[in-house]
């Protein structure tokens, strides 16, 4: 599962993916897929990781957008 956000604040595209079964990753470090950063609660990349094991693309996108908004703050 994968989605992309074009961030004007960061000046780049952020690709979110779930290459395995649960962990959601973002390519903030320039590495895509399993080499990306695990997103965590509160908008960070360290701490309590966000997991999603369902197959609902709309729910996955909502999780990614919620994390992105918290990350920008």
C-alpha atoms as a PDB file:
ATOM      1  CA  UNK A   1       0.000   0.000   0.000  1.00  0.00           C
ATOM      2  CA  UNK A   2       1.340   3.423  -0.905  1.00  0.00           C
ATOM      3  CA  UNK A   3       0.334   7.100  -1.118  1.00  0.00           C
ATOM      4  CA  UNK A   4       2.041  10.387  -1.892  1.00  0.00           C
ATOM      5  CA  UNK A   5       1.687  13.902  -0.480  1.00  0.00           C
ATOM      6  CA  UNK A   6       3.152  16.910  -2.273  1.00  0.00           C
ATOM      7  CA  UNK A   7       4.400  19.084   0.560  1.00  0.00           C
ATOM      8  CA  UNK A   8       4.778  22.789  -0.167  1.00  0.00           C
ATOM      9  CA  UNK A   9       6.146  23.378   3.338  1.00  0.00           C
ATOM     10  CA  UNK A  10       8.928  20.813   2.929  1.00  0.00           C
ATOM     11  CA  UNK A  11       9.379  21.508  -0.784  1.00  0.00           C
ATOM     12  CA  UNK A  12       9.187  17.855  -1.844  1.00  0.00           C
ATOM     13  CA  UNK A  13       6.953  14.845  -2.258  1.00  0.00           C
ATOM     14  CA  UNK A  14       6.611  12.456   0.661  1.00  0.00           C
ATOM     15  CA  UNK A  15       5.792   8.860  -0.189  1.00  0.00           C
ATOM     16  CA  UNK A  16       4.144   6.776   2.506  1.00  0.00           C
ATOM     17  CA  UNK A  17       4.230   3.006   2.193  1.00  0.00           C
ATOM     18  CA  UNK A  18       3.550  -0.170   4.078  1.00  0.00           C
ATOM     19  CA  UNK A  19       6.057  -2.621   2.608  1.00  0.00           C
ATOM     20  CA  UNK A  20       5.409  -5.275   5.246  1.00  0.00           C
ATOM     21  CA  UNK A  21       2.326  -6.183   7.209  1.00  0.00           C
ATOM     22  CA  UNK A  22       2.042  -3.396   9.793  1.00  0.00           C
ATOM     23  CA  UNK A  23       4.563  -0.541   9.913  1.00  0.00           C
ATOM     24  CA  UNK A  24       3.908   2.648   7.952  1.00  0.00           C
ATOM     25  CA  UNK A  25       7.017   4.285   6.515  1.00  0.00           C
ATOM     26  CA  UNK A  26       7.776   7.678   4.960  1.00  0.00           C
ATOM     27  CA  UNK A  27      10.705   8.540   2.688  1.00  0.00           C
ATOM     28  CA  UNK A  28      11.825  11.555   4.748  1.00  0.00           C
ATOM     29  CA  UNK A  29      15.415  10.305   4.778  1.00  0.00           C
ATOM     30  CA  UNK A  30      15.547  10.024   0.971  1.00  0.00           C
ATOM     31  CA  UNK A  31      15.089   6.246   1.118  1.00  0.00           C
ATOM     32  CA  UNK A  32      11.881   4.692  -0.175  1.00  0.00           C
ATOM     33  CA  UNK A  33      10.041   1.566   0.951  1.00  0.00           C
ATOM     34  CA  UNK A  34      11.511  -0.510   3.766  1.00  0.00           C
ATOM     35  CA  UNK A  35      14.478   1.863   4.099  1.00  0.00           C
ATOM     36  CA  UNK A  36      12.276   4.874   4.925  1.00  0.00           C
ATOM     37  CA  UNK A  37      11.509   6.288   8.366  1.00  0.00           C
ATOM     38  CA  UNK A  38       8.825   4.655  10.499  1.00  0.00           C
ATOM     39  CA  UNK A  39       6.182   7.236  11.339  1.00  0.00           C
ATOM     40  CA  UNK A  40       5.301   7.637  15.020  1.00  0.00           C
ATOM     41  CA  UNK A  41       2.436   9.080  17.020  1.00  0.00           C
ATOM     42  CA  UNK A  42       2.557  12.847  17.423  1.00  0.00           C
ATOM     43  CA  UNK A  43       4.136  13.521  14.025  1.00  0.00           C
ATOM     44  CA  UNK A  44       7.625  12.304  14.827  1.00  0.00           C
ATOM     45  CA  UNK A  45       9.881   9.554  13.514  1.00  0.00           C
ATOM     46  CA  UNK A  46      11.024   8.347  16.926  1.00  0.00           C
ATOM     47  CA  UNK A  47       8.800   6.979  19.652  1.00  0.00           C
ATOM     48  CA  UNK A  48       5.639   4.902  19.492  1.00  0.00           C
ATOM     49  CA  UNK A  49       5.318   3.724  15.892  1.00  0.00           C
ATOM     50  CA  UNK A  50       2.087   3.832  13.954  1.00  0.00           C
ATOM     51  CA  UNK A  51       0.934   0.479  12.639  1.00  0.00           C
ATOM     52  CA  UNK A  52      -1.817  -0.379  10.188  1.00  0.00           C
ATOM     53  CA  UNK A  53      -2.559  -3.940   9.111  1.00  0.00           C
ATOM     54  CA  UNK A  54      -5.853  -3.438   7.252  1.00  0.00           C
ATOM     55  CA  UNK A  55      -6.483  -3.222   3.523  1.00  0.00           C
ATOM     56  CA  UNK A  56      -8.705  -0.102   3.421  1.00  0.00           C
ATOM     57  CA  UNK A  57      -6.820   2.428   1.278  1.00  0.00           C
ATOM     58  CA  UNK A  58      -8.955   5.361   2.496  1.00  0.00           C
ATOM     59  CA  UNK A  59      -8.140   4.541   6.127  1.00  0.00           C
ATOM     60  CA  UNK A  60      -4.429   4.183   5.290  1.00  0.00           C
ATOM     61  CA  UNK A  61      -4.462   7.597   3.579  1.00  0.00           C
ATOM     62  CA  UNK A  62      -6.243   9.154   6.577  1.00  0.00           C
ATOM     63  CA  UNK A  63      -3.532   7.820   8.905  1.00  0.00           C
ATOM     64  CA  UNK A  64      -0.797   9.250   6.665  1.00  0.00           C
ATOM     65  CA  UNK A  65      -2.487  12.667   6.316  1.00  0.00           C
ATOM     66  CA  UNK A  66      -3.083  12.895  10.085  1.00  0.00           C
ATOM     67  CA  UNK A  67       0.594  12.110  10.734  1.00  0.00           C
ATOM     68  CA  UNK A  68       1.710  14.643   8.097  1.00  0.00           C
ATOM     69  CA  UNK A  69      -0.380  17.445   9.658  1.00  0.00           C
ATOM     70  CA  UNK A  70       1.112  16.685  13.082  1.00  0.00           C
ATOM     71  CA  UNK A  71       4.621  16.528  11.585  1.00  0.00           C
ATOM     72  CA  UNK A  72       4.298  19.960   9.984  1.00  0.00           C
ATOM     73  CA  UNK A  73       3.206  21.599  13.276  1.00  0.00           C
END
